[in-house]
Amino acid sequence: MSRVLPGLLDVLLVVAFAALGRRSHADGVDVAGVLRTAGPFVVGTAAGWLLASVTLEAGPRSLAFGAVVVAATVVVGMALRRVAAQGTAPSFVVVATLVLAALLLGWRLVAHLLPA
């Protein structure tokens, strides 16, 4: 259970990022559209989890683990979006990186600040 909850939280936050992005661009927040938008980033999140799990001794709640997840989420997500011709404008890359970092590192920071 110690790895399931952080992993689920990361995926839920990536899906929320996609839903908020679609809403802010008036693309509609239907389930299929959100999943289509979130898909490449969820794959990136999974890749980040795999990479962090095999390369770091830190647990999934650590900021180091989160940083690897953020980097992979953005890099893999954008690469898959480019392959699918979904758009990777530089401004989108910057905004996505900042929002995903705030979300995926933010909950970890809050968890560290709360008493155990």
PDB file of N, CA and C in Angstrom:
ATOM      1  N   MET A   1       0.812  -1.203   0.000  1.00  0.00           N
ATOM      2  CA  MET A   1       0.000   0.000   0.000  1.00  0.00           C
ATOM      3  C   MET A   1       0.857   1.269   0.000  1.00  0.00           C
ATOM      4  N   SER A   2       2.101   1.150   0.478  1.00  0.00           N
ATOM      5  CA  SER A   2       2.950   2.334   0.593  1.00  0.00           C
ATOM      6  C   SER A   2       3.299   2.931  -0.767  1.00  0.00           C
ATOM      7  N   ARG A   3       3.233   2.160  -1.840  1.00  0.00           N
ATOM      8  CA  ARG A   3       3.521   2.679  -3.173  1.00  0.00           C
ATOM      9  C   ARG A   3       2.244   2.924  -3.984  1.00  0.00           C
ATOM     10  N   VAL A   4       1.176   2.278  -3.607  1.00  0.00           N
ATOM     11  CA  VAL A   4      -0.063   2.391  -4.378  1.00  0.00           C
ATOM     12  C   VAL A   4      -0.667   3.783  -4.257  1.00  0.00           C
ATOM     13  N   LEU A   5      -0.783   4.291  -3.047  1.00  0.00           N
ATOM     14  CA  LEU A   5      -1.410   5.595  -2.851  1.00  0.00           C
ATOM     15  C   LEU A   5      -0.640   6.726  -3.543  1.00  0.00           C
ATOM     16  N   PRO A   6       0.676   6.829  -3.394  1.00  0.00           N
ATOM     17  CA  PRO A   6       1.394   7.888  -4.121  1.00  0.00           C
ATOM     18  C   PRO A   6       1.273   7.740  -5.641  1.00  0.00           C
ATOM     19  N   GLY A   7       1.314   6.530  -6.135  1.00  0.00           N
ATOM     20  CA  GLY A   7       1.177   6.315  -7.580  1.00  0.00           C
ATOM     21  C   GLY A   7      -0.194   6.719  -8.078  1.00  0.00           C
ATOM     22  N   LEU A   8      -1.213   6.341  -7.332  1.00  0.00           N
ATOM     23  CA  LEU A   8      -2.579   6.711  -7.688  1.00  0.00           C
ATOM     24  C   LEU A   8      -2.755   8.224  -7.641  1.00  0.00           C
ATOM     25  N   LEU A   9      -2.187   8.855  -6.624  1.00  0.00           N
ATOM     26  CA  LEU A   9      -2.275  10.314  -6.517  1.00  0.00           C
ATOM     27  C   LEU A   9      -1.604  10.995  -7.703  1.00  0.00           C
ATOM     28  N   ASP A  10      -0.430  10.516  -8.100  1.00  0.00           N
ATOM     29  CA  ASP A  10       0.253  11.092  -9.267  1.00  0.00           C
ATOM     30  C   ASP A  10      -0.612  10.983 -10.522  1.00  0.00           C
ATOM     31  N   VAL A  11      -1.196   9.812 -10.755  1.00  0.00           N
ATOM     32  CA  VAL A  11      -2.027   9.613 -11.949  1.00  0.00           C
ATOM     33  C   VAL A  11      -3.265  10.510 -11.889  1.00  0.00           C
ATOM     34  N   LEU A  12      -3.899  10.585 -10.733  1.00  0.00           N
ATOM     35  CA  LEU A  12      -5.085  11.436 -10.601  1.00  0.00           C
ATOM     36  C   LEU A  12      -4.745  12.910 -10.851  1.00  0.00           C
ATOM     37  N   LEU A  13      -3.588  13.346 -10.382  1.00  0.00           N
ATOM     38  CA  LEU A  13      -3.186  14.736 -10.607  1.00  0.00           C
ATOM     39  C   LEU A  13      -2.870  14.998 -12.083  1.00  0.00           C
ATOM     40  N   VAL A  14      -2.294  14.030 -12.767  1.00  0.00           N
ATOM     41  CA  VAL A  14      -2.026  14.180 -14.200  1.00  0.00           C
ATOM     42  C   VAL A  14      -3.349  14.260 -14.972  1.00  0.00           C
ATOM     43  N   VAL A  15      -4.312  13.437 -14.588  1.00  0.00           N
ATOM     44  CA  VAL A  15      -5.630  13.488 -15.234  1.00  0.00           C
ATOM     45  C   VAL A  15      -6.314  14.826 -14.935  1.00  0.00           C
ATOM     46  N   ALA A  16      -6.179  15.309 -13.706  1.00  0.00           N
ATOM     47  CA  ALA A  16      -6.749  16.617 -13.352  1.00  0.00           C
ATOM     48  C   ALA A  16      -6.097  17.728 -14.184  1.00  0.00           C
ATOM     49  N   PHE A  17      -4.778  17.645 -14.373  1.00  0.00           N
ATOM     50  CA  PHE A  17      -4.060  18.598 -15.223  1.00  0.00           C
ATOM     51  C   PHE A  17      -4.658  18.613 -16.633  1.00  0.00           C
ATOM     52  N   ALA A  18      -4.900  17.434 -17.180  1.00  0.00           N
ATOM     53  CA  ALA A  18      -5.469  17.338 -18.527  1.00  0.00           C
ATOM     54  C   ALA A  18      -6.881  17.919 -18.567  1.00  0.00           C
ATOM     55  N   ALA A  19      -7.684  17.603 -17.573  1.00  0.00           N
ATOM     56  CA  ALA A  19      -9.060  18.110 -17.528  1.00  0.00           C
ATOM     57  C   ALA A  19      -9.077  19.630 -17.413  1.00  0.00           C
ATOM     58  N   LEU A  20      -8.233  20.175 -16.553  1.00  0.00           N
ATOM     59  CA  LEU A  20      -8.168  21.627 -16.392  1.00  0.00           C
ATOM     60  C   LEU A  20      -7.692  22.304 -17.673  1.00  0.00           C
ATOM     61  N   GLY A  21      -6.719  21.688 -18.325  1.00  0.00           N
ATOM     62  CA  GLY A  21      -6.234  22.240 -19.593  1.00  0.00           C
ATOM     63  C   GLY A  21      -7.301  22.238 -20.658  1.00  0.00           C
ATOM     64  N   ARG A  22      -8.035  21.147 -20.759  1.00  0.00           N
ATOM     65  CA  ARG A  22      -9.105  21.076 -21.757  1.00  0.00           C
ATOM     66  C   ARG A  22     -10.190  22.104 -21.444  1.00  0.00           C
ATOM     67  N   ARG A  23     -10.501  22.249 -20.176  1.00  0.00           N
ATOM     68  CA  ARG A  23     -11.534  23.218 -19.775  1.00  0.00           C
ATOM     69  C   ARG A  23     -11.090  24.646 -20.077  1.00  0.00           C
ATOM     70  N   SER A  24      -9.843  24.954 -19.790  1.00  0.00           N
ATOM     71  CA  SER A  24      -9.363  26.324 -20.003  1.00  0.00           C
ATOM     72  C   SER A  24      -9.270  26.678 -21.483  1.00  0.00           C
ATOM     73  N   HIS A  25      -9.207  25.675 -22.334  1.00  0.00           N
ATOM     74  CA  HIS A  25      -9.142  25.924 -23.778  1.00  0.00           C
ATOM     75  C   HIS A  25     -10.463  25.597 -24.461  1.00  0.00           C
ATOM     76  N   ALA A  26     -11.511  25.420 -23.661  1.00  0.00           N
ATOM     77  CA  ALA A  26     -12.858  25.144 -24.173  1.00  0.00           C
ATOM     78  C   ALA A  26     -12.892  23.929 -25.095  1.00  0.00           C
ATOM     79  N   ASP A  27     -12.078  22.916 -24.769  1.00  0.00           N
ATOM     80  CA  ASP A  27     -12.064  21.686 -25.565  1.00  0.00           C
ATOM     81  C   ASP A  27     -13.095  20.677 -25.081  1.00  0.00           C
ATOM     82  N   GLY A  28     -13.752  20.967 -23.997  1.00  0.00           N
ATOM     83  CA  GLY A  28     -14.723  20.031 -23.441  1.00  0.00           C
ATOM     84  C   GLY A  28     -14.063  19.107 -22.437  1.00  0.00           C
ATOM     85  N   VAL A  29     -14.810  18.772 -21.422  1.00  0.00           N
ATOM     86  CA  VAL A  29     -14.263  17.942 -20.348  1.00  0.00           C
ATOM     87  C   VAL A  29     -14.959  16.583 -20.351  1.00  0.00           C
ATOM     88  N   ASP A  30     -15.208  16.042 -21.528  1.00  0.00           N
ATOM     89  CA  ASP A  30     -15.785  14.704 -21.615  1.00  0.00           C
ATOM     90  C   ASP A  30     -14.708  13.671 -21.282  1.00  0.00           C
ATOM     91  N   VAL A  31     -15.122  12.534 -20.797  1.00  0.00           N
ATOM     92  CA  VAL A  31     -14.190  11.506 -20.325  1.00  0.00           C
ATOM     93  C   VAL A  31     -13.225  11.082 -21.422  1.00  0.00           C
ATOM     94  N   ALA A  32     -13.727  10.818 -22.613  1.00  0.00           N
ATOM     95  CA  ALA A  32     -12.853  10.370 -23.703  1.00  0.00           C
ATOM     96  C   ALA A  32     -11.807  11.426 -24.048  1.00  0.00           C
ATOM     97  N   GLY A  33     -12.211  12.683 -24.113  1.00  0.00           N
ATOM     98  CA  GLY A  33     -11.273  13.756 -24.429  1.00  0.00           C
ATOM     99  C   GLY A  33     -10.215  13.930 -23.362  1.00  0.00           C
ATOM    100  N   VAL A  34     -10.631  13.874 -22.099  1.00  0.00           N
ATOM    101  CA  VAL A  34      -9.668  14.009 -20.996  1.00  0.00           C
ATOM    102  C   VAL A  34      -8.677  12.850 -21.031  1.00  0.00           C
ATOM    103  N   LEU A  35      -9.169  11.641 -21.240  1.00  0.00           N
ATOM    104  CA  LEU A  35      -8.264  10.486 -21.281  1.00  0.00           C
ATOM    105  C   LEU A  35      -7.325  10.546 -22.478  1.00  0.00           C
ATOM    106  N   ARG A  36      -7.811  11.041 -23.605  1.00  0.00           N
ATOM    107  CA  ARG A  36      -6.960  11.198 -24.788  1.00  0.00           C
ATOM    108  C   ARG A  36      -5.853  12.226 -24.520  1.00  0.00           C
ATOM    109  N   THR A  37      -6.195  13.295 -23.848  1.00  0.00           N
ATOM    110  CA  THR A  37      -5.204  14.322 -23.515  1.00  0.00           C
ATOM    111  C   THR A  37      -4.247  13.824 -22.436  1.00  0.00           C
ATOM    112  N   ALA A  38      -4.776  13.160 -21.430  1.00  0.00           N
ATOM    113  CA  ALA A  38      -3.959  12.695 -20.298  1.00  0.00           C
ATOM    114  C   ALA A  38      -3.082  11.502 -20.664  1.00  0.00           C
ATOM    115  N   GLY A  39      -3.513  10.688 -21.609  1.00  0.00           N
ATOM    116  CA  GLY A  39      -2.833   9.433 -21.932  1.00  0.00           C
ATOM    117  C   GLY A  39      -1.320   9.522 -22.076  1.00  0.00           C
ATOM    118  N   PRO A  40      -0.813  10.401 -22.930  1.00  0.00           N
ATOM    119  CA  PRO A  40       0.642  10.476 -23.092  1.00  0.00           C
ATOM    120  C   PRO A  40       1.367  10.841 -21.788  1.00  0.00           C
ATOM    121  N   PHE A  41       0.730  11.685 -20.991  1.00  0.00           N
ATOM    122  CA  PHE A  41       1.352  12.097 -19.738  1.00  0.00           C
ATOM    123  C   PHE A  41       1.285  10.989 -18.685  1.00  0.00           C
ATOM    124  N   VAL A  42       0.213  10.213 -18.698  1.00  0.00           N
ATOM    125  CA  VAL A  42       0.114   9.074 -17.772  1.00  0.00           C
ATOM    126  C   VAL A  42       1.181   8.033 -18.119  1.00  0.00           C
ATOM    127  N   VAL A  43       1.407   7.816 -19.403  1.00  0.00           N
ATOM    128  CA  VAL A  43       2.487   6.906 -19.813  1.00  0.00           C
ATOM    129  C   VAL A  43       3.825   7.445 -19.309  1.00  0.00           C
ATOM    130  N   GLY A  44       4.028   8.753 -19.435  1.00  0.00           N
ATOM    131  CA  GLY A  44       5.252   9.375 -18.922  1.00  0.00           C
ATOM    132  C   GLY A  44       5.374   9.233 -17.417  1.00  0.00           C
ATOM    133  N   THR A  45       4.266   9.365 -16.709  1.00  0.00           N
ATOM    134  CA  THR A  45       4.275   9.187 -15.257  1.00  0.00           C
ATOM    135  C   THR A  45       4.676   7.766 -14.894  1.00  0.00           C
ATOM    136  N   ALA A  46       4.131   6.801 -15.600  1.00  0.00           N
ATOM    137  CA  ALA A  46       4.488   5.393 -15.355  1.00  0.00           C
ATOM    138  C   ALA A  46       5.972   5.173 -15.635  1.00  0.00           C
ATOM    139  N   ALA A  47       6.473   5.753 -16.717  1.00  0.00           N
ATOM    140  CA  ALA A  47       7.900   5.624 -17.038  1.00  0.00           C
ATOM    141  C   ALA A  47       8.751   6.258 -15.933  1.00  0.00           C
ATOM    142  N   GLY A  48       8.315   7.398 -15.427  1.00  0.00           N
ATOM    143  CA  GLY A  48       9.035   8.047 -14.337  1.00  0.00           C
ATOM    144  C   GLY A  48       9.053   7.207 -13.084  1.00  0.00           C
ATOM    145  N   TRP A  49       7.937   6.590 -12.778  1.00  0.00           N
ATOM    146  CA  TRP A  49       7.880   5.704 -11.610  1.00  0.00           C
ATOM    147  C   TRP A  49       8.846   4.527 -11.778  1.00  0.00           C
ATOM    148  N   LEU A  50       8.850   3.951 -12.964  1.00  0.00           N
ATOM    149  CA  LEU A  50       9.757   2.828 -13.221  1.00  0.00           C
ATOM    150  C   LEU A  50      11.209   3.271 -13.090  1.00  0.00           C
ATOM    151  N   LEU A  51      11.553   4.378 -13.719  1.00  0.00           N
ATOM    152  CA  LEU A  51      12.922   4.885 -13.670  1.00  0.00           C
ATOM    153  C   LEU A  51      13.341   5.233 -12.246  1.00  0.00           C
ATOM    154  N   ALA A  52      12.494   5.950 -11.536  1.00  0.00           N
ATOM    155  CA  ALA A  52      12.829   6.330 -10.158  1.00  0.00           C
ATOM    156  C   ALA A  52      12.941   5.108  -9.257  1.00  0.00           C
ATOM    157  N   SER A  53      12.093   4.118  -9.478  1.00  0.00           N
ATOM    158  CA  SER A  53      12.112   2.911  -8.646  1.00  0.00           C
ATOM    159  C   SER A  53      13.396   2.111  -8.796  1.00  0.00           C
ATOM    160  N   VAL A  54      13.957   2.111 -10.005  1.00  0.00           N
ATOM    161  CA  VAL A  54      15.166   1.313 -10.223  1.00  0.00           C
ATOM    162  C   VAL A  54      16.454   2.103 -10.027  1.00  0.00           C
ATOM    163  N   THR A  55      16.373   3.427  -9.972  1.00  0.00           N
ATOM    164  CA  THR A  55      17.600   4.220  -9.858  1.00  0.00           C
ATOM    165  C   THR A  55      17.771   4.935  -8.526  1.00  0.00           C
ATOM    166  N   LEU A  56      16.696   5.083  -7.772  1.00  0.00           N
ATOM    167  CA  LEU A  56      16.784   5.829  -6.517  1.00  0.00           C
ATOM    168  C   LEU A  56      16.531   4.926  -5.316  1.00  0.00           C
ATOM    169  N   GLU A  57      17.195   5.238  -4.236  1.00  0.00           N
ATOM    170  CA  GLU A  57      16.899   4.555  -2.980  1.00  0.00           C
ATOM    171  C   GLU A  57      15.758   5.249  -2.246  1.00  0.00           C
ATOM    172  N   ALA A  58      15.472   6.481  -2.612  1.00  0.00           N
ATOM    173  CA  ALA A  58      14.413   7.259  -1.971  1.00  0.00           C
ATOM    174  C   ALA A  58      13.053   6.675  -2.330  1.00  0.00           C
ATOM    175  N   GLY A  59      12.117   6.810  -1.419  1.00  0.00           N
ATOM    176  CA  GLY A  59      10.771   6.307  -1.624  1.00  0.00           C
ATOM    177  C   GLY A  59       9.936   7.221  -2.499  1.00  0.00           C
ATOM    178  N   PRO A  60       8.752   6.769  -2.892  1.00  0.00           N
ATOM    179  CA  PRO A  60       7.907   7.521  -3.814  1.00  0.00           C
ATOM    180  C   PRO A  60       7.401   8.850  -3.261  1.00  0.00           C
ATOM    181  N   ARG A  61       7.451   9.034  -1.954  1.00  0.00           N
ATOM    182  CA  ARG A  61       7.010  10.304  -1.369  1.00  0.00           C
ATOM    183  C   ARG A  61       8.124  11.355  -1.333  1.00  0.00           C
ATOM    184  N   SER A  62       9.333  10.977  -1.740  1.00  0.00           N
ATOM    185  CA  SER A  62      10.459  11.911  -1.676  1.00  0.00           C
ATOM    186  C   SER A  62      10.426  12.892  -2.843  1.00  0.00           C
ATOM    187  N   LEU A  63      11.025  14.046  -2.616  1.00  0.00           N
ATOM    188  CA  LEU A  63      11.096  15.053  -3.684  1.00  0.00           C
ATOM    189  C   LEU A  63      11.966  14.574  -4.836  1.00  0.00           C
ATOM    190  N   ALA A  64      13.016  13.815  -4.545  1.00  0.00           N
ATOM    191  CA  ALA A  64      13.877  13.287  -5.611  1.00  0.00           C
ATOM    192  C   ALA A  64      13.084  12.354  -6.520  1.00  0.00           C
ATOM    193  N   PHE A  65      12.301  11.481  -5.922  1.00  0.00           N
ATOM    194  CA  PHE A  65      11.459  10.566  -6.692  1.00  0.00           C
ATOM    195  C   PHE A  65      10.480  11.382  -7.534  1.00  0.00           C
ATOM    196  N   GLY A  66       9.877  12.379  -6.911  1.00  0.00           N
ATOM    197  CA  GLY A  66       8.927  13.237  -7.615  1.00  0.00           C
ATOM    198  C   GLY A  66       9.557  13.978  -8.771  1.00  0.00           C
ATOM    199  N   ALA A  67      10.793  14.420  -8.597  1.00  0.00           N
ATOM    200  CA  ALA A  67      11.481  15.148  -9.670  1.00  0.00           C
ATOM    201  C   ALA A  67      11.684  14.246 -10.884  1.00  0.00           C
ATOM    202  N   VAL A  68      12.031  12.991 -10.652  1.00  0.00           N
ATOM    203  CA  VAL A  68      12.188  12.040 -11.761  1.00  0.00           C
ATOM    204  C   VAL A  68      10.838  11.821 -12.447  1.00  0.00           C
ATOM    205  N   VAL A  69       9.791  11.691 -11.646  1.00  0.00           N
ATOM    206  CA  VAL A  69       8.448  11.490 -12.210  1.00  0.00           C
ATOM    207  C   VAL A  69       8.029  12.699 -13.045  1.00  0.00           C
ATOM    208  N   VAL A  70       8.274  13.904 -12.541  1.00  0.00           N
ATOM    209  CA  VAL A  70       7.931  15.112 -13.300  1.00  0.00           C
ATOM    210  C   VAL A  70       8.685  15.133 -14.624  1.00  0.00           C
ATOM    211  N   ALA A  71       9.982  14.926 -14.574  1.00  0.00           N
ATOM    212  CA  ALA A  71      10.792  14.984 -15.800  1.00  0.00           C
ATOM    213  C   ALA A  71      10.304  13.966 -16.829  1.00  0.00           C
ATOM    214  N   ALA A  72      10.071  12.741 -16.394  1.00  0.00           N
ATOM    215  CA  ALA A  72       9.616  11.708 -17.330  1.00  0.00           C
ATOM    216  C   ALA A  72       8.210  12.001 -17.836  1.00  0.00           C
ATOM    217  N   THR A  73       7.350  12.503 -16.967  1.00  0.00           N
ATOM    218  CA  THR A  73       5.986  12.824 -17.376  1.00  0.00           C
ATOM    219  C   THR A  73       6.006  13.850 -18.500  1.00  0.00           C
ATOM    220  N   VAL A  74       6.822  14.869 -18.357  1.00  0.00           N
ATOM    221  CA  VAL A  74       6.886  15.921 -19.374  1.00  0.00           C
ATOM    222  C   VAL A  74       7.584  15.422 -20.639  1.00  0.00           C
ATOM    223  N   VAL A  75       8.753  14.817 -20.494  1.00  0.00           N
ATOM    224  CA  VAL A  75       9.530  14.404 -21.673  1.00  0.00           C
ATOM    225  C   VAL A  75       8.795  13.331 -22.476  1.00  0.00           C
ATOM    226  N   VAL A  76       8.357  12.276 -21.807  1.00  0.00           N
ATOM    227  CA  VAL A  76       7.659  11.191 -22.519  1.00  0.00           C
ATOM    228  C   VAL A  76       6.306  11.689 -23.025  1.00  0.00           C
ATOM    229  N   GLY A  77       5.600  12.432 -22.184  1.00  0.00           N
ATOM    230  CA  GLY A  77       4.293  12.953 -22.599  1.00  0.00           C
ATOM    231  C   GLY A  77       4.389  13.820 -23.837  1.00  0.00           C
ATOM    232  N   MET A  78       5.349  14.721 -23.856  1.00  0.00           N
ATOM    233  CA  MET A  78       5.509  15.598 -25.027  1.00  0.00           C
ATOM    234  C   MET A  78       5.973  14.816 -26.255  1.00  0.00           C
ATOM    235  N   ALA A  79       6.849  13.849 -26.062  1.00  0.00           N
ATOM    236  CA  ALA A  79       7.304  13.029 -27.191  1.00  0.00           C
ATOM    237  C   ALA A  79       6.125  12.270 -27.806  1.00  0.00           C
ATOM    238  N   LEU A  80       5.286  11.687 -26.965  1.00  0.00           N
ATOM    239  CA  LEU A  80       4.127  10.955 -27.476  1.00  0.00           C
ATOM    240  C   LEU A  80       3.116  11.894 -28.131  1.00  0.00           C
ATOM    241  N   ARG A  81       2.955  13.087 -27.568  1.00  0.00           N
ATOM    242  CA  ARG A  81       2.063  14.072 -28.200  1.00  0.00           C
ATOM    243  C   ARG A  81       2.589  14.472 -29.573  1.00  0.00           C
ATOM    244  N   ARG A  82       3.897  14.627 -29.683  1.00  0.00           N
ATOM    245  CA  ARG A  82       4.479  15.002 -30.983  1.00  0.00           C
ATOM    246  C   ARG A  82       4.236  13.889 -32.005  1.00  0.00           C
ATOM    247  N   VAL A  83       4.460  12.641 -31.602  1.00  0.00           N
ATOM    248  CA  VAL A  83       4.240  11.497 -32.494  1.00  0.00           C
ATOM    249  C   VAL A  83       2.780  11.444 -32.946  1.00  0.00           C
ATOM    250  N   ALA A  84       1.871  11.772 -32.032  1.00  0.00           N
ATOM    251  CA  ALA A  84       0.437  11.731 -32.344  1.00  0.00           C
ATOM    252  C   ALA A  84      -0.067  13.041 -32.953  1.00  0.00           C
ATOM    253  N   ALA A  85       0.838  13.957 -33.242  1.00  0.00           N
ATOM    254  CA  ALA A  85       0.492  15.260 -33.819  1.00  0.00           C
ATOM    255  C   ALA A  85      -0.542  16.002 -32.970  1.00  0.00           C
ATOM    256  N   GLN A  86      -0.366  15.947 -31.651  1.00  0.00           N
ATOM    257  CA  GLN A  86      -1.296  16.621 -30.746  1.00  0.00           C
ATOM    258  C   GLN A  86      -0.820  18.012 -30.342  1.00  0.00           C
ATOM    259  N   GLY A  87       0.354  18.379 -30.685  1.00  0.00           N
ATOM    260  CA  GLY A  87       0.814  19.727 -30.385  1.00  0.00           C
ATOM    261  C   GLY A  87       1.756  19.802 -29.208  1.00  0.00           C
ATOM    262  N   THR A  88       2.879  20.453 -29.450  1.00  0.00           N
ATOM    263  CA  THR A  88       3.896  20.647 -28.409  1.00  0.00           C
ATOM    264  C   THR A  88       4.503  22.035 -28.531  1.00  0.00           C
ATOM    265  N   ALA A  89       3.657  23.023 -28.634  1.00  0.00           N
ATOM    266  CA  ALA A  89       4.141  24.400 -28.729  1.00  0.00           C
ATOM    267  C   ALA A  89       5.013  24.721 -27.517  1.00  0.00           C
ATOM    268  N   PRO A  90       6.074  25.491 -27.707  1.00  0.00           N
ATOM    269  CA  PRO A  90       6.964  25.815 -26.583  1.00  0.00           C
ATOM    270  C   PRO A  90       6.228  26.372 -25.370  1.00  0.00           C
ATOM    271  N   SER A  91       5.231  27.207 -25.583  1.00  0.00           N
ATOM    272  CA  SER A  91       4.483  27.753 -24.445  1.00  0.00           C
ATOM    273  C   SER A  91       3.747  26.648 -23.698  1.00  0.00           C
ATOM    274  N   PHE A  92       3.224  25.664 -24.418  1.00  0.00           N
ATOM    275  CA  PHE A  92       2.548  24.538 -23.772  1.00  0.00           C
ATOM    276  C   PHE A  92       3.535  23.709 -22.966  1.00  0.00           C
ATOM    277  N   VAL A  93       4.714  23.489 -23.518  1.00  0.00           N
ATOM    278  CA  VAL A  93       5.734  22.718 -22.795  1.00  0.00           C
ATOM    279  C   VAL A  93       6.086  23.415 -21.478  1.00  0.00           C
ATOM    280  N   VAL A  94       6.256  24.723 -21.521  1.00  0.00           N
ATOM    281  CA  VAL A  94       6.602  25.478 -20.314  1.00  0.00           C
ATOM    282  C   VAL A  94       5.473  25.409 -19.284  1.00  0.00           C
ATOM    283  N   VAL A  95       4.253  25.685 -19.731  1.00  0.00           N
ATOM    284  CA  VAL A  95       3.116  25.664 -18.806  1.00  0.00           C
ATOM    285  C   VAL A  95       2.907  24.267 -18.239  1.00  0.00           C
ATOM    286  N   ALA A  96       2.965  23.253 -19.088  1.00  0.00           N
ATOM    287  CA  ALA A  96       2.782  21.879 -18.620  1.00  0.00           C
ATOM    288  C   ALA A  96       3.857  21.504 -17.601  1.00  0.00           C
ATOM    289  N   THR A  97       5.082  21.886 -17.867  1.00  0.00           N
ATOM    290  CA  THR A  97       6.176  21.573 -16.945  1.00  0.00           C
ATOM    291  C   THR A  97       5.943  22.238 -15.592  1.00  0.00           C
ATOM    292  N   LEU A  98       5.579  23.499 -15.604  1.00  0.00           N
ATOM    293  CA  LEU A  98       5.364  24.220 -14.346  1.00  0.00           C
ATOM    294  C   LEU A  98       4.170  23.671 -13.567  1.00  0.00           C
ATOM    295  N   VAL A  99       3.074  23.402 -14.267  1.00  0.00           N
ATOM    296  CA  VAL A  99       1.874  22.900 -13.581  1.00  0.00           C
ATOM    297  C   VAL A  99       2.111  21.492 -13.061  1.00  0.00           C
ATOM    298  N   LEU A 100       2.685  20.633 -13.877  1.00  0.00           N
ATOM    299  CA  LEU A 100       2.939  19.266 -13.420  1.00  0.00           C
ATOM    300  C   LEU A 100       3.943  19.236 -12.272  1.00  0.00           C
ATOM    301  N   ALA A 101       4.950  20.086 -12.324  1.00  0.00           N
ATOM    302  CA  ALA A 101       5.908  20.159 -11.210  1.00  0.00           C
ATOM    303  C   ALA A 101       5.199  20.615  -9.936  1.00  0.00           C
ATOM    304  N   ALA A 102       4.356  21.629 -10.061  1.00  0.00           N
ATOM    305  CA  ALA A 102       3.632  22.108  -8.877  1.00  0.00           C
ATOM    306  C   ALA A 102       2.741  21.008  -8.299  1.00  0.00           C
ATOM    307  N   LEU A 103       2.063  20.275  -9.158  1.00  0.00           N
ATOM    308  CA  LEU A 103       1.169  19.228  -8.679  1.00  0.00           C
ATOM    309  C   LEU A 103       1.928  18.021  -8.114  1.00  0.00           C
ATOM    310  N   LEU A 104       2.880  17.504  -8.889  1.00  0.00           N
ATOM    311  CA  LEU A 104       3.539  16.256  -8.507  1.00  0.00           C
ATOM    312  C   LEU A 104       4.590  16.436  -7.416  1.00  0.00           C
ATOM    313  N   LEU A 105       5.179  17.623  -7.352  1.00  0.00           N
ATOM    314  CA  LEU A 105       6.109  17.899  -6.248  1.00  0.00           C
ATOM    315  C   LEU A 105       5.381  18.538  -5.070  1.00  0.00           C
ATOM    316  N   GLY A 106       4.303  19.251  -5.370  1.00  0.00           N
ATOM    317  CA  GLY A 106       3.568  19.946  -4.321  1.00  0.00           C
ATOM    318  C   GLY A 106       3.016  19.031  -3.253  1.00  0.00           C
ATOM    319  N   TRP A 107       2.385  17.926  -3.651  1.00  0.00           N
ATOM    320  CA  TRP A 107       1.820  17.036  -2.637  1.00  0.00           C
ATOM    321  C   TRP A 107       2.926  16.394  -1.817  1.00  0.00           C
ATOM    322  N   ARG A 108       4.069  16.154  -2.450  1.00  0.00           N
ATOM    323  CA  ARG A 108       5.195  15.567  -1.715  1.00  0.00           C
ATOM    324  C   ARG A 108       5.751  16.556  -0.697  1.00  0.00           C
ATOM    325  N   LEU A 109       5.828  17.818  -1.085  1.00  0.00           N
ATOM    326  CA  LEU A 109       6.302  18.848  -0.167  1.00  0.00           C
ATOM    327  C   LEU A 109       5.348  18.989   1.020  1.00  0.00           C
ATOM    328  N   VAL A 110       4.064  19.023   0.741  1.00  0.00           N
ATOM    329  CA  VAL A 110       3.077  19.104   1.824  1.00  0.00           C
ATOM    330  C   VAL A 110       3.191  17.892   2.737  1.00  0.00           C
ATOM    331  N   ALA A 111       3.370  16.710   2.173  1.00  0.00           N
ATOM    332  CA  ALA A 111       3.512  15.493   2.981  1.00  0.00           C
ATOM    333  C   ALA A 111       4.723  15.569   3.890  1.00  0.00           C
ATOM    334  N   HIS A 112       5.805  16.170   3.407  1.00  0.00           N
ATOM    335  CA  HIS A 112       7.017  16.314   4.240  1.00  0.00           C
ATOM    336  C   HIS A 112       6.819  17.329   5.355  1.00  0.00           C
ATOM    337  N   LEU A 113       5.997  18.333   5.111  1.00  0.00           N
ATOM    338  CA  LEU A 113       5.795  19.376   6.106  1.00  0.00           C
ATOM    339  C   LEU A 113       4.807  18.976   7.202  1.00  0.00           C
ATOM    340  N   LEU A 114       3.940  18.011   6.901  1.00  0.00           N
ATOM    341  CA  LEU A 114       2.984  17.568   7.902  1.00  0.00           C
ATOM    342  C   LEU A 114       3.643  16.654   8.915  1.00  0.00           C
ATOM    343  N   PRO A 115       3.219  16.739  10.169  1.00  0.00           N
ATOM    344  CA  PRO A 115       3.794  15.825  11.175  1.00  0.00           C
ATOM    345  C   PRO A 115       3.427  14.380  10.857  1.00  0.00           C
ATOM    346  N   ALA A 116       4.343  13.490  11.106  1.00  0.00           N
ATOM    347  CA  ALA A 116       4.125  12.072  10.779  1.00  0.00           C
ATOM    348  C   ALA A 116       3.209  11.387  11.758  1.00  0.00           C
TER     349      ALA A 116
END
